[in-house]
């Protein structure tokens, strides 16, 4: 990072809550430790609200953690604008990893540009090419990666812990906001005037590729807009797939 963040003593002051204050202190402590004890470490950001909180926390803690995003080629323009805003606001760039050209071209020629609507298998193959394979390149040589996952987000994330071993990439995986609620996230954003994606104001609580994400209606699950044509149990792209857990669950069937 090439810009010194402001020092803060109370992370959430009079207008905040003791809960968010405690959660924030714990997250900053964890991020500082990760940067110190697991270098080189990277933060994978999709520019959603949670990820913007972590961006701000890393900056304030001056934690030695690299930032990267997966530019799938189908991201909304609002997300690209926020990438530029992060650079302007914080003074550092987010590394972008794109899909391998030959794999992407082969998929589109063979199946069509929007084949992911046709089946779960085609959708997951699109995710593999656009997200999973680039993630592998982004994490190569790293000792840890940080995500914005929260248990509240979906049924597929209810059992996650703050720290896990990623057997696929052979490194530690940290989820510093795992116990945060949606209200906690937005309380932090409001208090610190953190930049955030315009799509959140248009009914998009969860962000992904433009053709695979829609706004939700009041009362819907916060990830109902992601791959909305699928069942909730399949709504992961493979970035956070745990082969060992899947094997255990298969054995219990």
C-alpha atoms as a PDB file:
ATOM      1  CA  UNK A   1       0.000   0.000   0.000  1.00  0.00           C
ATOM      2  CA  UNK A   2       1.252   3.453  -0.799  1.00  0.00           C
ATOM      3  CA  UNK A   3      -1.031   5.561   1.360  1.00  0.00           C
ATOM      4  CA  UNK A   4      -0.992   5.776   5.143  1.00  0.00           C
ATOM      5  CA  UNK A   5      -4.444   5.191   6.666  1.00  0.00           C
ATOM      6  CA  UNK A   6      -5.799   7.365   9.456  1.00  0.00           C
ATOM      7  CA  UNK A   7      -5.356   6.047  12.971  1.00  0.00           C
ATOM      8  CA  UNK A   8      -8.546   5.156  14.833  1.00  0.00           C
ATOM      9  CA  UNK A   9      -9.137   4.380  18.460  1.00  0.00           C
ATOM     10  CA  UNK A  10     -12.904   3.856  18.537  1.00  0.00           C
ATOM     11  CA  UNK A  11     -13.909   2.111  15.338  1.00  0.00           C
ATOM     12  CA  UNK A  12     -17.606   2.775  15.899  1.00  0.00           C
ATOM     13  CA  UNK A  13     -18.340   5.793  18.083  1.00  0.00           C
ATOM     14  CA  UNK A  14     -21.509   7.255  19.587  1.00  0.00           C
ATOM     15  CA  UNK A  15     -23.697   6.472  16.621  1.00  0.00           C
ATOM     16  CA  UNK A  16     -22.558   2.860  16.448  1.00  0.00           C
ATOM     17  CA  UNK A  17     -23.018  -0.157  18.665  1.00  0.00           C
ATOM     18  CA  UNK A  18     -20.828  -2.027  21.113  1.00  0.00           C
ATOM     19  CA  UNK A  19     -21.347  -5.156  19.014  1.00  0.00           C
ATOM     20  CA  UNK A  20     -19.968  -3.639  15.799  1.00  0.00           C
ATOM     21  CA  UNK A  21     -17.162  -2.029  17.765  1.00  0.00           C
ATOM     22  CA  UNK A  22     -16.127  -5.418  19.186  1.00  0.00           C
ATOM     23  CA  UNK A  23     -16.496  -7.228  15.852  1.00  0.00           C
ATOM     24  CA  UNK A  24     -14.399  -4.565  14.141  1.00  0.00           C
ATOM     25  CA  UNK A  25     -11.626  -4.718  16.723  1.00  0.00           C
ATOM     26  CA  UNK A  26     -11.479  -8.511  16.403  1.00  0.00           C
ATOM     27  CA  UNK A  27     -11.396  -8.347  12.593  1.00  0.00           C
ATOM     28  CA  UNK A  28      -8.614  -5.739  12.555  1.00  0.00           C
ATOM     29  CA  UNK A  29      -6.570  -7.811  15.000  1.00  0.00           C
ATOM     30  CA  UNK A  30      -7.036 -10.935  12.874  1.00  0.00           C
ATOM     31  CA  UNK A  31      -6.115  -9.156   9.635  1.00  0.00           C
ATOM     32  CA  UNK A  32      -2.986  -7.706  11.213  1.00  0.00           C
ATOM     33  CA  UNK A  33      -1.957 -11.180  12.402  1.00  0.00           C
ATOM     34  CA  UNK A  34      -2.607 -12.701   8.988  1.00  0.00           C
ATOM     35  CA  UNK A  35      -0.439 -10.097   7.290  1.00  0.00           C
ATOM     36  CA  UNK A  36       2.313 -10.704   9.818  1.00  0.00           C
ATOM     37  CA  UNK A  37       2.193 -14.489  10.269  1.00  0.00           C
ATOM     38  CA  UNK A  38       0.990 -15.770   6.889  1.00  0.00           C
ATOM     39  CA  UNK A  39       2.842 -13.638   4.362  1.00  0.00           C
ATOM     40  CA  UNK A  40       2.317 -13.598   1.490  1.00  0.00           C
ATOM     41  CA  UNK A  41      -1.446 -13.352   2.022  1.00  0.00           C
ATOM     42  CA  UNK A  42      -4.139 -12.132  -0.361  1.00  0.00           C
ATOM     43  CA  UNK A  43      -7.653 -10.791  -0.045  1.00  0.00           C
ATOM     44  CA  UNK A  44     -10.086 -11.898  -2.768  1.00  0.00           C
ATOM     45  CA  UNK A  45     -12.602  -9.111  -3.300  1.00  0.00           C
ATOM     46  CA  UNK A  46     -15.744  -9.189  -5.426  1.00  0.00           C
ATOM     47  CA  UNK A  47     -16.428  -5.544  -4.484  1.00  0.00           C
ATOM     48  CA  UNK A  48     -19.565  -6.389  -2.503  1.00  0.00           C
ATOM     49  CA  UNK A  49     -20.470  -4.693   0.777  1.00  0.00           C
ATOM     50  CA  UNK A  50     -18.611  -7.230   2.930  1.00  0.00           C
ATOM     51  CA  UNK A  51     -15.529  -6.958   0.768  1.00  0.00           C
ATOM     52  CA  UNK A  52     -15.558  -3.180   0.994  1.00  0.00           C
ATOM     53  CA  UNK A  53     -15.639  -3.452   4.789  1.00  0.00           C
ATOM     54  CA  UNK A  54     -12.611  -5.751   4.699  1.00  0.00           C
ATOM     55  CA  UNK A  55     -10.862  -3.408   2.256  1.00  0.00           C
ATOM     56  CA  UNK A  56     -11.346  -0.547   4.699  1.00  0.00           C
ATOM     57  CA  UNK A  57     -10.272  -2.672   7.677  1.00  0.00           C
ATOM     58  CA  UNK A  58      -7.072  -3.811   5.969  1.00  0.00           C
ATOM     59  CA  UNK A  59      -6.290  -0.208   5.054  1.00  0.00           C
ATOM     60  CA  UNK A  60      -6.943   1.087   8.579  1.00  0.00           C
ATOM     61  CA  UNK A  61      -4.929  -1.735  10.146  1.00  0.00           C
ATOM     62  CA  UNK A  62      -2.160  -1.211   7.574  1.00  0.00           C
ATOM     63  CA  UNK A  63      -2.091  -4.996   7.286  1.00  0.00           C
ATOM     64  CA  UNK A  64       0.382  -6.377   4.758  1.00  0.00           C
ATOM     65  CA  UNK A  65      -2.188  -8.101   2.569  1.00  0.00           C
ATOM     66  CA  UNK A  66      -2.471  -8.018  -1.222  1.00  0.00           C
ATOM     67  CA  UNK A  67      -5.790  -7.292  -2.954  1.00  0.00           C
ATOM     68  CA  UNK A  68      -7.077  -9.067  -6.040  1.00  0.00           C
ATOM     69  CA  UNK A  69     -10.342  -9.572  -7.901  1.00  0.00           C
ATOM     70  CA  UNK A  70     -11.529 -11.983 -10.569  1.00  0.00           C
ATOM     71  CA  UNK A  71     -12.507 -10.007 -13.644  1.00  0.00           C
ATOM     72  CA  UNK A  72     -14.695 -12.608 -15.322  1.00  0.00           C
ATOM     73  CA  UNK A  73     -15.443 -10.568 -18.414  1.00  0.00           C
ATOM     74  CA  UNK A  74     -19.131 -10.414 -17.447  1.00  0.00           C
ATOM     75  CA  UNK A  75     -18.971  -8.091 -14.438  1.00  0.00           C
ATOM     76  CA  UNK A  76     -21.477  -5.217 -14.212  1.00  0.00           C
ATOM     77  CA  UNK A  77     -20.220  -1.771 -15.154  1.00  0.00           C
ATOM     78  CA  UNK A  78     -21.026  -0.624 -11.603  1.00  0.00           C
ATOM     79  CA  UNK A  79     -18.406  -3.062 -10.297  1.00  0.00           C
ATOM     80  CA  UNK A  80     -15.776  -1.759 -12.693  1.00  0.00           C
ATOM     81  CA  UNK A  81     -16.544   1.801 -11.589  1.00  0.00           C
ATOM     82  CA  UNK A  82     -16.038   0.785  -7.966  1.00  0.00           C
ATOM     83  CA  UNK A  83     -12.658  -0.768  -8.783  1.00  0.00           C
ATOM     84  CA  UNK A  84     -11.587   2.645 -10.055  1.00  0.00           C
ATOM     85  CA  UNK A  85     -13.120   4.359  -7.018  1.00  0.00           C
ATOM     86  CA  UNK A  86     -11.163   2.088  -4.659  1.00  0.00           C
ATOM     87  CA  UNK A  87      -7.972   3.123  -6.412  1.00  0.00           C
ATOM     88  CA  UNK A  88      -8.858   6.802  -6.107  1.00  0.00           C
ATOM     89  CA  UNK A  89     -10.128   6.602  -2.505  1.00  0.00           C
ATOM     90  CA  UNK A  90      -7.471   4.367  -0.922  1.00  0.00           C
ATOM     91  CA  UNK A  91      -4.503   5.006  -3.174  1.00  0.00           C
ATOM     92  CA  UNK A  92      -3.788   1.401  -4.186  1.00  0.00           C
ATOM     93  CA  UNK A  93      -4.741  -0.821  -7.098  1.00  0.00           C
ATOM     94  CA  UNK A  94      -6.644  -4.106  -7.026  1.00  0.00           C
ATOM     95  CA  UNK A  95      -4.925  -6.790  -9.097  1.00  0.00           C
ATOM     96  CA  UNK A  96      -7.277  -8.322 -11.682  1.00  0.00           C
ATOM     97  CA  UNK A  97      -7.146 -11.950 -12.857  1.00  0.00           C
ATOM     98  CA  UNK A  98      -8.979 -12.756 -16.097  1.00  0.00           C
ATOM     99  CA  UNK A  99     -10.011 -16.103 -17.643  1.00  0.00           C
ATOM    100  CA  UNK A 100      -7.586 -17.940 -19.918  1.00  0.00           C
ATOM    101  CA  UNK A 101      -8.469 -16.878 -23.462  1.00  0.00           C
ATOM    102  CA  UNK A 102      -8.376 -20.318 -25.114  1.00  0.00           C
ATOM    103  CA  UNK A 103     -10.575 -21.978 -22.487  1.00  0.00           C
ATOM    104  CA  UNK A 104     -13.129 -19.186 -22.623  1.00  0.00           C
ATOM    105  CA  UNK A 105     -13.242 -19.076 -26.407  1.00  0.00           C
ATOM    106  CA  UNK A 106     -13.688 -22.855 -26.580  1.00  0.00           C
ATOM    107  CA  UNK A 107     -16.571 -22.777 -24.100  1.00  0.00           C
ATOM    108  CA  UNK A 108     -18.399 -19.979 -25.918  1.00  0.00           C
ATOM    109  CA  UNK A 109     -17.936 -21.530 -29.361  1.00  0.00           C
ATOM    110  CA  UNK A 110     -19.043 -24.973 -28.169  1.00  0.00           C
ATOM    111  CA  UNK A 111     -21.928 -23.978 -25.919  1.00  0.00           C
ATOM    112  CA  UNK A 112     -22.865 -20.368 -26.630  1.00  0.00           C
ATOM    113  CA  UNK A 113     -22.273 -17.161 -24.639  1.00  0.00           C
ATOM    114  CA  UNK A 114     -25.186 -17.751 -22.221  1.00  0.00           C
ATOM    115  CA  UNK A 115     -25.098 -21.538 -22.002  1.00  0.00           C
ATOM    116  CA  UNK A 116     -24.988 -21.354 -18.196  1.00  0.00           C
ATOM    117  CA  UNK A 117     -28.778 -20.962 -18.147  1.00  0.00           C
ATOM    118  CA  UNK A 118     -29.121 -24.417 -19.704  1.00  0.00           C
ATOM    119  CA  UNK A 119     -27.881 -26.652 -16.905  1.00  0.00           C
ATOM    120  CA  UNK A 120     -26.049 -26.641 -13.586  1.00  0.00           C
ATOM    121  CA  UNK A 121     -23.151 -28.441 -15.259  1.00  0.00           C
ATOM    122  CA  UNK A 122     -22.749 -25.764 -17.947  1.00  0.00           C
ATOM    123  CA  UNK A 123     -23.121 -23.007 -15.369  1.00  0.00           C
ATOM    124  CA  UNK A 124     -20.452 -24.498 -13.143  1.00  0.00           C
ATOM    125  CA  UNK A 125     -18.135 -25.005 -16.107  1.00  0.00           C
ATOM    126  CA  UNK A 126     -18.536 -21.326 -16.962  1.00  0.00           C
ATOM    127  CA  UNK A 127     -17.739 -20.463 -13.321  1.00  0.00           C
ATOM    128  CA  UNK A 128     -14.730 -22.763 -13.427  1.00  0.00           C
ATOM    129  CA  UNK A 129     -13.288 -21.024 -16.472  1.00  0.00           C
ATOM    130  CA  UNK A 130     -14.112 -17.473 -15.428  1.00  0.00           C
ATOM    131  CA  UNK A 131     -13.493 -17.726 -11.667  1.00  0.00           C
ATOM    132  CA  UNK A 132     -12.069 -20.973 -10.295  1.00  0.00           C
ATOM    133  CA  UNK A 133      -9.073 -21.299 -12.633  1.00  0.00           C
ATOM    134  CA  UNK A 134      -8.101 -17.608 -12.288  1.00  0.00           C
ATOM    135  CA  UNK A 135      -8.402 -17.970  -8.507  1.00  0.00           C
ATOM    136  CA  UNK A 136      -5.848 -20.779  -8.624  1.00  0.00           C
ATOM    137  CA  UNK A 137      -3.406 -18.484 -10.392  1.00  0.00           C
ATOM    138  CA  UNK A 138      -4.118 -15.658  -7.952  1.00  0.00           C
ATOM    139  CA  UNK A 139      -3.407 -17.892  -4.942  1.00  0.00           C
ATOM    140  CA  UNK A 140      -0.303 -19.575  -6.332  1.00  0.00           C
ATOM    141  CA  UNK A 141       2.561 -19.111  -3.901  1.00  0.00           C
ATOM    142  CA  UNK A 142       0.345 -17.614  -1.185  1.00  0.00           C
ATOM    143  CA  UNK A 143       0.110 -18.894   2.382  1.00  0.00           C
ATOM    144  CA  UNK A 144      -3.359 -17.546   3.141  1.00  0.00           C
ATOM    145  CA  UNK A 145      -6.355 -15.906   1.531  1.00  0.00           C
ATOM    146  CA  UNK A 146      -9.097 -13.778   3.019  1.00  0.00           C
ATOM    147  CA  UNK A 147     -12.755 -13.724   1.975  1.00  0.00           C
ATOM    148  CA  UNK A 148     -15.898 -11.782   2.868  1.00  0.00           C
ATOM    149  CA  UNK A 149     -17.978 -14.893   3.567  1.00  0.00           C
ATOM    150  CA  UNK A 150     -20.602 -14.723   6.328  1.00  0.00           C
ATOM    151  CA  UNK A 151     -22.702 -17.529   7.794  1.00  0.00           C
ATOM    152  CA  UNK A 152     -25.853 -15.468   7.336  1.00  0.00           C
ATOM    153  CA  UNK A 153     -25.431 -15.336   3.564  1.00  0.00           C
ATOM    154  CA  UNK A 154     -26.737 -18.779   2.611  1.00  0.00           C
ATOM    155  CA  UNK A 155     -27.383 -22.360   3.691  1.00  0.00           C
ATOM    156  CA  UNK A 156     -24.159 -23.403   1.967  1.00  0.00           C
ATOM    157  CA  UNK A 157     -22.135 -21.190   4.357  1.00  0.00           C
ATOM    158  CA  UNK A 158     -23.851 -21.876   7.672  1.00  0.00           C
ATOM    159  CA  UNK A 159     -21.102 -24.182   8.960  1.00  0.00           C
ATOM    160  CA  UNK A 160     -18.102 -22.070   8.001  1.00  0.00           C
ATOM    161  CA  UNK A 161     -15.519 -21.039  10.570  1.00  0.00           C
ATOM    162  CA  UNK A 162     -13.337 -17.969  10.861  1.00  0.00           C
ATOM    163  CA  UNK A 163     -10.305 -20.052   9.850  1.00  0.00           C
ATOM    164  CA  UNK A 164     -10.233 -23.134   7.658  1.00  0.00           C
ATOM    165  CA  UNK A 165      -7.700 -25.192   5.784  1.00  0.00           C
ATOM    166  CA  UNK A 166      -8.224 -24.944   2.026  1.00  0.00           C
ATOM    167  CA  UNK A 167      -7.152 -28.389   0.879  1.00  0.00           C
ATOM    168  CA  UNK A 168      -7.692 -27.545  -2.779  1.00  0.00           C
ATOM    169  CA  UNK A 169      -5.223 -24.644  -2.790  1.00  0.00           C
ATOM    170  CA  UNK A 170      -3.122 -25.917   0.143  1.00  0.00           C
ATOM    171  CA  UNK A 171      -3.265 -22.767   2.256  1.00  0.00           C
ATOM    172  CA  UNK A 172      -5.144 -21.184   5.138  1.00  0.00           C
ATOM    173  CA  UNK A 173      -8.464 -19.479   4.441  1.00  0.00           C
ATOM    174  CA  UNK A 174      -9.789 -16.757   6.716  1.00  0.00           C
ATOM    175  CA  UNK A 175     -13.324 -15.360   6.925  1.00  0.00           C
ATOM    176  CA  UNK A 176     -12.981 -12.352   9.277  1.00  0.00           C
ATOM    177  CA  UNK A 177     -16.644 -11.283   8.926  1.00  0.00           C
ATOM    178  CA  UNK A 178     -18.069 -14.758   9.478  1.00  0.00           C
ATOM    179  CA  UNK A 179     -20.217 -13.673  12.482  1.00  0.00           C
ATOM    180  CA  UNK A 180     -21.220 -10.266  11.115  1.00  0.00           C
ATOM    181  CA  UNK A 181     -24.846  -9.628  10.210  1.00  0.00           C
ATOM    182  CA  UNK A 182     -26.037  -7.543   7.275  1.00  0.00           C
ATOM    183  CA  UNK A 183     -26.849  -4.776   9.768  1.00  0.00           C
ATOM    184  CA  UNK A 184     -23.288  -4.914  11.141  1.00  0.00           C
ATOM    185  CA  UNK A 185     -21.823  -4.575   7.659  1.00  0.00           C
ATOM    186  CA  UNK A 186     -23.903  -1.542   6.755  1.00  0.00           C
ATOM    187  CA  UNK A 187     -23.400   0.112  10.136  1.00  0.00           C
ATOM    188  CA  UNK A 188     -19.659   0.002   9.471  1.00  0.00           C
ATOM    189  CA  UNK A 189     -20.024   1.298   5.915  1.00  0.00           C
ATOM    190  CA  UNK A 190     -22.208   4.194   7.021  1.00  0.00           C
ATOM    191  CA  UNK A 191     -20.007   5.162   9.951  1.00  0.00           C
ATOM    192  CA  UNK A 192     -16.782   5.200   7.942  1.00  0.00           C
ATOM    193  CA  UNK A 193     -18.257   6.470   4.676  1.00  0.00           C
ATOM    194  CA  UNK A 194     -16.841   3.436   2.872  1.00  0.00           C
ATOM    195  CA  UNK A 195     -17.305   3.394  -0.923  1.00  0.00           C
ATOM    196  CA  UNK A 196     -19.725   0.677  -2.029  1.00  0.00           C
ATOM    197  CA  UNK A 197     -21.258  -0.755  -5.169  1.00  0.00           C
ATOM    198  CA  UNK A 198     -24.161   1.242  -6.640  1.00  0.00           C
ATOM    199  CA  UNK A 199     -26.018  -2.025  -7.267  1.00  0.00           C
ATOM    200  CA  UNK A 200     -26.692  -2.358  -3.537  1.00  0.00           C
ATOM    201  CA  UNK A 201     -28.971   0.676  -3.808  1.00  0.00           C
ATOM    202  CA  UNK A 202     -30.827  -1.039  -6.648  1.00  0.00           C
ATOM    203  CA  UNK A 203     -31.812  -4.162  -4.701  1.00  0.00           C
ATOM    204  CA  UNK A 204     -28.699  -6.310  -5.218  1.00  0.00           C
ATOM    205  CA  UNK A 205     -27.453  -7.545  -1.818  1.00  0.00           C
ATOM    206  CA  UNK A 206     -25.149 -10.140  -3.422  1.00  0.00           C
ATOM    207  CA  UNK A 207     -22.981  -9.336  -6.448  1.00  0.00           C
ATOM    208  CA  UNK A 208     -21.578 -11.478  -9.220  1.00  0.00           C
ATOM    209  CA  UNK A 209     -21.562 -11.582 -13.001  1.00  0.00           C
ATOM    210  CA  UNK A 210     -24.244  -9.433 -14.633  1.00  0.00           C
ATOM    211  CA  UNK A 211     -26.195 -12.231 -16.402  1.00  0.00           C
ATOM    212  CA  UNK A 212     -26.208 -14.420 -13.292  1.00  0.00           C
ATOM    213  CA  UNK A 213     -27.334 -11.822 -10.755  1.00  0.00           C
ATOM    214  CA  UNK A 214     -30.623 -10.002 -10.309  1.00  0.00           C
ATOM    215  CA  UNK A 215     -32.199  -7.695  -7.763  1.00  0.00           C
ATOM    216  CA  UNK A 216     -34.297  -9.316  -5.055  1.00  0.00           C
ATOM    217  CA  UNK A 217     -37.714  -8.432  -3.683  1.00  0.00           C
ATOM    218  CA  UNK A 218     -38.482  -7.690  -0.014  1.00  0.00           C
ATOM    219  CA  UNK A 219     -38.495 -10.890   2.040  1.00  0.00           C
ATOM    220  CA  UNK A 220     -36.299 -12.900  -0.322  1.00  0.00           C
ATOM    221  CA  UNK A 221     -33.083 -14.534   0.875  1.00  0.00           C
ATOM    222  CA  UNK A 222     -30.072 -12.256   0.415  1.00  0.00           C
ATOM    223  CA  UNK A 223     -28.568 -14.636  -2.173  1.00  0.00           C
ATOM    224  CA  UNK A 224     -31.837 -15.297  -3.980  1.00  0.00           C
ATOM    225  CA  UNK A 225     -30.628 -13.115  -6.841  1.00  0.00           C
ATOM    226  CA  UNK A 226     -27.576 -15.266  -7.535  1.00  0.00           C
ATOM    227  CA  UNK A 227     -28.255 -18.006 -10.106  1.00  0.00           C
ATOM    228  CA  UNK A 228     -31.935 -17.481  -9.299  1.00  0.00           C
ATOM    229  CA  UNK A 229     -33.021 -20.307 -11.611  1.00  0.00           C
ATOM    230  CA  UNK A 230     -31.259 -22.918  -9.406  1.00  0.00           C
ATOM    231  CA  UNK A 231     -32.008 -24.451  -6.023  1.00  0.00           C
ATOM    232  CA  UNK A 232     -30.350 -22.778  -2.978  1.00  0.00           C
ATOM    233  CA  UNK A 233     -28.211 -25.871  -2.340  1.00  0.00           C
ATOM    234  CA  UNK A 234     -26.352 -25.448  -5.644  1.00  0.00           C
ATOM    235  CA  UNK A 235     -25.667 -21.723  -5.414  1.00  0.00           C
ATOM    236  CA  UNK A 236     -21.892 -21.766  -5.219  1.00  0.00           C
ATOM    237  CA  UNK A 237     -19.481 -21.245  -8.085  1.00  0.00           C
ATOM    238  CA  UNK A 238     -16.684 -23.513  -6.881  1.00  0.00           C
ATOM    239  CA  UNK A 239     -14.510 -20.826  -5.313  1.00  0.00           C
ATOM    240  CA  UNK A 240     -15.478 -21.987  -1.836  1.00  0.00           C
ATOM    241  CA  UNK A 241     -16.005 -25.674  -2.517  1.00  0.00           C
ATOM    242  CA  UNK A 242     -14.664 -27.987   0.180  1.00  0.00           C
ATOM    243  CA  UNK A 243     -13.933 -31.435  -1.333  1.00  0.00           C
ATOM    244  CA  UNK A 244     -13.484 -33.051   2.097  1.00  0.00           C
ATOM    245  CA  UNK A 245     -16.811 -31.712   3.343  1.00  0.00           C
ATOM    246  CA  UNK A 246     -18.598 -32.806   0.176  1.00  0.00           C
ATOM    247  CA  UNK A 247     -17.121 -36.278   0.556  1.00  0.00           C
ATOM    248  CA  UNK A 248     -18.362 -36.505   4.163  1.00  0.00           C
ATOM    249  CA  UNK A 249     -21.835 -35.350   3.212  1.00  0.00           C
ATOM    250  CA  UNK A 250     -21.984 -37.828   0.354  1.00  0.00           C
ATOM    251  CA  UNK A 251     -21.070 -40.615   2.735  1.00  0.00           C
ATOM    252  CA  UNK A 252     -23.985 -39.760   5.023  1.00  0.00           C
ATOM    253  CA  UNK A 253     -26.572 -40.080   2.239  1.00  0.00           C
END
